[in-house]
Amino acid sequence: MAKPSKKMQNLQNFCKFCKNIGQKQKQFKKKAKPCKNLKKKWKISQSRQNFCRVAKKLQKLAKITIRKFNSKI
């Protein structure tokens, strides 16, 4: 199978990064009482998680297209 492109690797890294942030935010939210600043940060992390879902779908699509491409050669 073909090597994942630079873009795909970036997406994977971003996904890992986003998961870590999500977990840290959850731990932090349990410990601290949410203040305005935390709520802002939380909103940002939510949008990162949404981006993650999109990135994963893109990764799956890319894998499928690569397979189709390889089977044609």
PDB file of N, CA and C in Angstrom:
ATOM      1  N   MET A   1       0.835  -1.203   0.000  1.00  0.00           N
ATOM      2  CA  MET A   1       0.000   0.000   0.000  1.00  0.00           C
ATOM      3  C   MET A   1       0.872   1.257   0.000  1.00  0.00           C
ATOM      4  N   ALA A   2       0.365   2.294  -0.606  1.00  0.00           N
ATOM      5  CA  ALA A   2       1.126   3.543  -0.711  1.00  0.00           C
ATOM      6  C   ALA A   2       1.323   4.184   0.657  1.00  0.00           C
ATOM      7  N   LYS A   3       2.420   4.915   0.770  1.00  0.00           N
ATOM      8  CA  LYS A   3       2.697   5.648   2.022  1.00  0.00           C
ATOM      9  C   LYS A   3       1.664   6.752   2.200  1.00  0.00           C
ATOM     10  N   PRO A   4       1.235   6.999   3.444  1.00  0.00           N
ATOM     11  CA  PRO A   4       0.293   8.111   3.629  1.00  0.00           C
ATOM     12  C   PRO A   4       0.957   9.439   3.277  1.00  0.00           C
ATOM     13  N   SER A   5       0.208  10.289   2.611  1.00  0.00           N
ATOM     14  CA  SER A   5       0.773  11.572   2.191  1.00  0.00           C
ATOM     15  C   SER A   5       1.045  12.454   3.400  1.00  0.00           C
ATOM     16  N   LYS A   6       1.794  13.520   3.155  1.00  0.00           N
ATOM     17  CA  LYS A   6       2.136  14.461   4.233  1.00  0.00           C
ATOM     18  C   LYS A   6       0.855  15.031   4.857  1.00  0.00           C
ATOM     19  N   LYS A   7      -0.118  15.338   4.003  1.00  0.00           N
ATOM     20  CA  LYS A   7      -1.380  15.900   4.491  1.00  0.00           C
ATOM     21  C   LYS A   7      -2.070  14.929   5.444  1.00  0.00           C
ATOM     22  N   MET A   8      -2.107  13.651   5.047  1.00  0.00           N
ATOM     23  CA  MET A   8      -2.764  12.636   5.873  1.00  0.00           C
ATOM     24  C   MET A   8      -2.054  12.492   7.214  1.00  0.00           C
ATOM     25  N   GLN A   9      -0.718  12.501   7.186  1.00  0.00           N
ATOM     26  CA  GLN A   9       0.043  12.383   8.430  1.00  0.00           C
ATOM     27  C   GLN A   9      -0.252  13.570   9.339  1.00  0.00           C
ATOM     28  N   ASN A  10      -0.349  14.745   8.748  1.00  0.00           N
ATOM     29  CA  ASN A  10      -0.687  15.935   9.527  1.00  0.00           C
ATOM     30  C   ASN A  10      -2.055  15.776  10.179  1.00  0.00           C
ATOM     31  N   LEU A  11      -3.000  15.230   9.424  1.00  0.00           N
ATOM     32  CA  LEU A  11      -4.347  15.016   9.963  1.00  0.00           C
ATOM     33  C   LEU A  11      -4.309  14.034  11.125  1.00  0.00           C
ATOM     34  N   GLN A  12      -3.516  12.953  10.966  1.00  0.00           N
ATOM     35  CA  GLN A  12      -3.412  11.961  12.042  1.00  0.00           C
ATOM     36  C   GLN A  12      -2.813  12.590  13.287  1.00  0.00           C
ATOM     37  N   ASN A  13      -1.750  13.374  13.094  1.00  0.00           N
ATOM     38  CA  ASN A  13      -1.113  14.045  14.224  1.00  0.00           C
ATOM     39  C   ASN A  13      -2.086  14.999  14.892  1.00  0.00           C
ATOM     40  N   PHE A  14      -2.832  15.709  14.070  1.00  0.00           N
ATOM     41  CA  PHE A  14      -3.802  16.664  14.604  1.00  0.00           C
ATOM     42  C   PHE A  14      -4.848  15.927  15.431  1.00  0.00           C
ATOM     43  N   CYS A  15      -5.246  14.761  14.954  1.00  0.00           N
ATOM     44  CA  CYS A  15      -6.239  13.955  15.654  1.00  0.00           C
ATOM     45  C   CYS A  15      -5.740  13.532  17.027  1.00  0.00           C
ATOM     46  N   LYS A  16      -4.493  13.066  17.079  1.00  0.00           N
ATOM     47  CA  LYS A  16      -3.904  12.655  18.361  1.00  0.00           C
ATOM     48  C   LYS A  16      -3.859  13.847  19.302  1.00  0.00           C
ATOM     49  N   PHE A  17      -3.411  14.969  18.755  1.00  0.00           N
ATOM     50  CA  PHE A  17      -3.281  16.210  19.515  1.00  0.00           C
ATOM     51  C   PHE A  17      -4.640  16.610  20.086  1.00  0.00           C
ATOM     52  N   CYS A  18      -5.657  16.503  19.242  1.00  0.00           N
ATOM     53  CA  CYS A  18      -7.002  16.915  19.633  1.00  0.00           C
ATOM     54  C   CYS A  18      -7.567  15.994  20.707  1.00  0.00           C
ATOM     55  N   LYS A  19      -7.293  14.695  20.625  1.00  0.00           N
ATOM     56  CA  LYS A  19      -7.762  13.755  21.651  1.00  0.00           C
ATOM     57  C   LYS A  19      -7.119  14.058  22.989  1.00  0.00           C
ATOM     58  N   ASN A  20      -5.804  14.306  22.956  1.00  0.00           N
ATOM     59  CA  ASN A  20      -5.092  14.624  24.200  1.00  0.00           C
ATOM     60  C   ASN A  20      -5.692  15.850  24.858  1.00  0.00           C
ATOM     61  N   ILE A  21      -5.935  16.868  24.057  1.00  0.00           N
ATOM     62  CA  ILE A  21      -6.499  18.105  24.590  1.00  0.00           C
ATOM     63  C   ILE A  21      -7.886  17.836  25.176  1.00  0.00           C
ATOM     64  N   GLY A  22      -8.684  17.055  24.473  1.00  0.00           N
ATOM     65  CA  GLY A  22     -10.025  16.715  24.949  1.00  0.00           C
ATOM     66  C   GLY A  22      -9.981  16.035  26.308  1.00  0.00           C
ATOM     67  N   GLN A  23      -9.058  15.067  26.471  1.00  0.00           N
ATOM     68  CA  GLN A  23      -8.945  14.348  27.746  1.00  0.00           C
ATOM     69  C   GLN A  23      -8.489  15.282  28.857  1.00  0.00           C
ATOM     70  N   LYS A  24      -7.507  16.128  28.545  1.00  0.00           N
ATOM     71  CA  LYS A  24      -7.002  17.069  29.550  1.00  0.00           C
ATOM     72  C   LYS A  24      -8.103  18.023  29.988  1.00  0.00           C
ATOM     73  N   GLN A  25      -8.886  18.485  29.010  1.00  0.00           N
ATOM     74  CA  GLN A  25      -9.978  19.416  29.318  1.00  0.00           C
ATOM     75  C   GLN A  25     -10.984  18.756  30.253  1.00  0.00           C
ATOM     76  N   LYS A  26     -11.308  17.474  29.984  1.00  0.00           N
ATOM     77  CA  LYS A  26     -12.283  16.768  30.820  1.00  0.00           C
ATOM     78  C   LYS A  26     -11.786  16.658  32.254  1.00  0.00           C
ATOM     79  N   GLN A  27     -10.507  16.289  32.413  1.00  0.00           N
ATOM     80  CA  GLN A  27      -9.925  16.169  33.756  1.00  0.00           C
ATOM     81  C   GLN A  27      -9.959  17.521  34.461  1.00  0.00           C
ATOM     82  N   PHE A  28      -9.590  18.542  33.712  1.00  0.00           N
ATOM     83  CA  PHE A  28      -9.517  19.894  34.265  1.00  0.00           C
ATOM     84  C   PHE A  28     -10.911  20.370  34.666  1.00  0.00           C
ATOM     85  N   LYS A  29     -11.883  20.045  33.840  1.00  0.00           N
ATOM     86  CA  LYS A  29     -13.262  20.481  34.087  1.00  0.00           C
ATOM     87  C   LYS A  29     -13.792  19.846  35.377  1.00  0.00           C
ATOM     88  N   LYS A  30     -13.416  18.588  35.626  1.00  0.00           N
ATOM     89  CA  LYS A  30     -13.871  17.911  36.846  1.00  0.00           C
ATOM     90  C   LYS A  30     -13.275  18.569  38.088  1.00  0.00           C
ATOM     91  N   LYS A  31     -11.989  18.942  37.991  1.00  0.00           N
ATOM     92  CA  LYS A  31     -11.288  19.509  39.154  1.00  0.00           C
ATOM     93  C   LYS A  31     -11.724  20.946  39.432  1.00  0.00           C
ATOM     94  N   ALA A  32     -11.733  21.769  38.383  1.00  0.00           N
ATOM     95  CA  ALA A  32     -11.968  23.209  38.564  1.00  0.00           C
ATOM     96  C   ALA A  32     -13.425  23.562  38.292  1.00  0.00           C
ATOM     97  N   LYS A  33     -13.877  24.610  38.950  1.00  0.00           N
ATOM     98  CA  LYS A  33     -15.207  25.134  38.632  1.00  0.00           C
ATOM     99  C   LYS A  33     -15.079  25.925  37.337  1.00  0.00           C
ATOM    100  N   PRO A  34     -15.935  25.649  36.349  1.00  0.00           N
ATOM    101  CA  PRO A  34     -15.764  26.325  35.060  1.00  0.00           C
ATOM    102  C   PRO A  34     -15.978  27.839  35.153  1.00  0.00           C
ATOM    103  N   CYS A  35     -14.953  28.578  34.816  1.00  0.00           N
ATOM    104  CA  CYS A  35     -15.051  30.034  34.760  1.00  0.00           C
ATOM    105  C   CYS A  35     -15.234  30.439  33.297  1.00  0.00           C
ATOM    106  N   LYS A  36     -15.382  31.712  33.029  1.00  0.00           N
ATOM    107  CA  LYS A  36     -15.605  32.169  31.654  1.00  0.00           C
ATOM    108  C   LYS A  36     -14.466  31.743  30.745  1.00  0.00           C
ATOM    109  N   ASN A  37     -13.242  31.885  31.246  1.00  0.00           N
ATOM    110  CA  ASN A  37     -12.064  31.552  30.454  1.00  0.00           C
ATOM    111  C   ASN A  37     -12.068  30.075  30.062  1.00  0.00           C
ATOM    112  N   LEU A  38     -12.406  29.231  31.028  1.00  0.00           N
ATOM    113  CA  LEU A  38     -12.432  27.789  30.777  1.00  0.00           C
ATOM    114  C   LEU A  38     -13.499  27.449  29.741  1.00  0.00           C
ATOM    115  N   LYS A  39     -14.645  28.129  29.845  1.00  0.00           N
ATOM    116  CA  LYS A  39     -15.717  27.871  28.883  1.00  0.00           C
ATOM    117  C   LYS A  39     -15.256  28.200  27.467  1.00  0.00           C
ATOM    118  N   LYS A  40     -14.509  29.299  27.326  1.00  0.00           N
ATOM    119  CA  LYS A  40     -13.975  29.665  26.007  1.00  0.00           C
ATOM    120  C   LYS A  40     -13.059  28.560  25.504  1.00  0.00           C
ATOM    121  N   LYS A  41     -12.149  28.109  26.380  1.00  0.00           N
ATOM    122  CA  LYS A  41     -11.216  27.037  26.001  1.00  0.00           C
ATOM    123  C   LYS A  41     -11.988  25.784  25.620  1.00  0.00           C
ATOM    124  N   TRP A  42     -13.028  25.482  26.377  1.00  0.00           N
ATOM    125  CA  TRP A  42     -13.831  24.286  26.135  1.00  0.00           C
ATOM    126  C   TRP A  42     -14.467  24.350  24.751  1.00  0.00           C
ATOM    127  N   LYS A  43     -14.986  25.535  24.379  1.00  0.00           N
ATOM    128  CA  LYS A  43     -15.594  25.693  23.052  1.00  0.00           C
ATOM    129  C   LYS A  43     -14.567  25.416  21.964  1.00  0.00           C
ATOM    130  N   ILE A  44     -13.350  25.915  22.153  1.00  0.00           N
ATOM    131  CA  ILE A  44     -12.283  25.707  21.170  1.00  0.00           C
ATOM    132  C   ILE A  44     -12.005  24.214  21.031  1.00  0.00           C
ATOM    133  N   SER A  45     -11.921  23.510  22.162  1.00  0.00           N
ATOM    134  CA  SER A  45     -11.614  22.082  22.101  1.00  0.00           C
ATOM    135  C   SER A  45     -12.765  21.316  21.446  1.00  0.00           C
ATOM    136  N   GLN A  46     -14.006  21.780  21.648  1.00  0.00           N
ATOM    137  CA  GLN A  46     -15.148  21.131  21.000  1.00  0.00           C
ATOM    138  C   GLN A  46     -15.003  21.212  19.484  1.00  0.00           C
ATOM    139  N   SER A  47     -14.609  22.389  18.990  1.00  0.00           N
ATOM    140  CA  SER A  47     -14.466  22.537  17.539  1.00  0.00           C
ATOM    141  C   SER A  47     -13.311  21.665  17.043  1.00  0.00           C
ATOM    142  N   ARG A  48     -12.289  21.474  17.885  1.00  0.00           N
ATOM    143  CA  ARG A  48     -11.190  20.580  17.507  1.00  0.00           C
ATOM    144  C   ARG A  48     -11.696  19.155  17.380  1.00  0.00           C
ATOM    145  N   GLN A  49     -12.564  18.750  18.304  1.00  0.00           N
ATOM    146  CA  GLN A  49     -13.100  17.387  18.249  1.00  0.00           C
ATOM    147  C   GLN A  49     -13.932  17.191  16.988  1.00  0.00           C
ATOM    148  N   ASN A  50     -14.687  18.205  16.615  1.00  0.00           N
ATOM    149  CA  ASN A  50     -15.462  18.124  15.377  1.00  0.00           C
ATOM    150  C   ASN A  50     -14.527  17.980  14.190  1.00  0.00           C
ATOM    151  N   PHE A  51     -13.438  18.738  14.202  1.00  0.00           N
ATOM    152  CA  PHE A  51     -12.458  18.657  13.124  1.00  0.00           C
ATOM    153  C   PHE A  51     -11.888  17.246  13.064  1.00  0.00           C
ATOM    154  N   CYS A  52     -11.687  16.646  14.248  1.00  0.00           N
ATOM    155  CA  CYS A  52     -11.158  15.294  14.333  1.00  0.00           C
ATOM    156  C   CYS A  52     -12.059  14.298  13.616  1.00  0.00           C
ATOM    157  N   ARG A  53     -13.351  14.425  13.856  1.00  0.00           N
ATOM    158  CA  ARG A  53     -14.297  13.505  13.209  1.00  0.00           C
ATOM    159  C   ARG A  53     -14.192  13.639  11.695  1.00  0.00           C
ATOM    160  N   VAL A  54     -14.126  14.865  11.229  1.00  0.00           N
ATOM    161  CA  VAL A  54     -14.012  15.120   9.791  1.00  0.00           C
ATOM    162  C   VAL A  54     -12.710  14.523   9.276  1.00  0.00           C
ATOM    163  N   ALA A  55     -11.629  14.739  10.027  1.00  0.00           N
ATOM    164  CA  ALA A  55     -10.315  14.243   9.621  1.00  0.00           C
ATOM    165  C   ALA A  55     -10.334  12.725   9.498  1.00  0.00           C
ATOM    166  N   LYS A  56     -10.979  12.060  10.443  1.00  0.00           N
ATOM    167  CA  LYS A  56     -11.039  10.594  10.403  1.00  0.00           C
ATOM    168  C   LYS A  56     -11.795  10.117   9.177  1.00  0.00           C
ATOM    169  N   LYS A  57     -12.900  10.792   8.863  1.00  0.00           N
ATOM    170  CA  LYS A  57     -13.672  10.427   7.672  1.00  0.00           C
ATOM    171  C   LYS A  57     -12.806  10.601   6.431  1.00  0.00           C
ATOM    172  N   LEU A  58     -12.062  11.712   6.391  1.00  0.00           N
ATOM    173  CA  LEU A  58     -11.171  11.972   5.259  1.00  0.00           C
ATOM    174  C   LEU A  58     -10.128  10.873   5.137  1.00  0.00           C
ATOM    175  N   GLN A  59      -9.567  10.456   6.286  1.00  0.00           N
ATOM    176  CA  GLN A  59      -8.557   9.402   6.269  1.00  0.00           C
ATOM    177  C   GLN A  59      -9.127   8.127   5.663  1.00  0.00           C
ATOM    178  N   LYS A  60     -10.339   7.751   6.105  1.00  0.00           N
ATOM    179  CA  LYS A  60     -10.972   6.533   5.587  1.00  0.00           C
ATOM    180  C   LYS A  60     -11.171   6.649   4.086  1.00  0.00           C
ATOM    181  N   LEU A  61     -11.678   7.791   3.646  1.00  0.00           N
ATOM    182  CA  LEU A  61     -11.903   8.018   2.215  1.00  0.00           C
ATOM    183  C   LEU A  61     -10.599   7.886   1.445  1.00  0.00           C
ATOM    184  N   ALA A  62      -9.552   8.496   1.997  1.00  0.00           N
ATOM    185  CA  ALA A  62      -8.254   8.470   1.321  1.00  0.00           C
ATOM    186  C   ALA A  62      -7.761   7.035   1.192  1.00  0.00           C
ATOM    187  N   LYS A  63      -7.919   6.240   2.249  1.00  0.00           N
ATOM    188  CA  LYS A  63      -7.475   4.843   2.208  1.00  0.00           C
ATOM    189  C   LYS A  63      -8.228   4.080   1.130  1.00  0.00           C
ATOM    190  N   ILE A  64      -9.538   4.311   1.054  1.00  0.00           N
ATOM    191  CA  ILE A  64     -10.361   3.627   0.053  1.00  0.00           C
ATOM    192  C   ILE A  64      -9.905   4.014  -1.349  1.00  0.00           C
ATOM    193  N   THR A  65      -9.698   5.315  -1.583  1.00  0.00           N
ATOM    194  CA  THR A  65      -9.298   5.759  -2.927  1.00  0.00           C
ATOM    195  C   THR A  65      -7.921   5.211  -3.282  1.00  0.00           C
ATOM    196  N   ILE A  66      -7.021   5.144  -2.286  1.00  0.00           N
ATOM    197  CA  ILE A  66      -5.685   4.589  -2.546  1.00  0.00           C
ATOM    198  C   ILE A  66      -5.809   3.119  -2.938  1.00  0.00           C
ATOM    199  N   ARG A  67      -6.662   2.381  -2.235  1.00  0.00           N
ATOM    200  CA  ARG A  67      -6.860   0.955  -2.559  1.00  0.00           C
ATOM    201  C   ARG A  67      -7.391   0.796  -3.978  1.00  0.00           C
ATOM    202  N   LYS A  68      -8.388   1.600  -4.329  1.00  0.00           N
ATOM    203  CA  LYS A  68      -8.968   1.529  -5.678  1.00  0.00           C
ATOM    204  C   LYS A  68      -7.889   1.821  -6.715  1.00  0.00           C
ATOM    205  N   PHE A  69      -7.108   2.841  -6.433  1.00  0.00           N
ATOM    206  CA  PHE A  69      -6.044   3.259  -7.345  1.00  0.00           C
ATOM    207  C   PHE A  69      -5.025   2.137  -7.518  1.00  0.00           C
ATOM    208  N   ASN A  70      -4.628   1.501  -6.406  1.00  0.00           N
ATOM    209  CA  ASN A  70      -3.646   0.420  -6.462  1.00  0.00           C
ATOM    210  C   ASN A  70      -4.193  -0.800  -7.196  1.00  0.00           C
ATOM    211  N   SER A  71      -5.473  -1.075  -7.040  1.00  0.00           N
ATOM    212  CA  SER A  71      -6.052  -2.250  -7.699  1.00  0.00           C
ATOM    213  C   SER A  71      -6.131  -2.050  -9.214  1.00  0.00           C
ATOM    214  N   LYS A  72      -6.214  -0.789  -9.651  1.00  0.00           N
ATOM    215  CA  LYS A  72      -6.286  -0.508 -11.090  1.00  0.00           C
ATOM    216  C   LYS A  72      -4.931  -0.700 -11.761  1.00  0.00           C
ATOM    217  N   ILE A  73      -3.847  -0.437 -11.030  1.00  0.00           N
ATOM    218  CA  ILE A  73      -2.503  -0.523 -11.622  1.00  0.00           C
ATOM    219  C   ILE A  73      -2.145  -1.977 -11.879  1.00  0.00           C
TER     220      ILE A  73
END
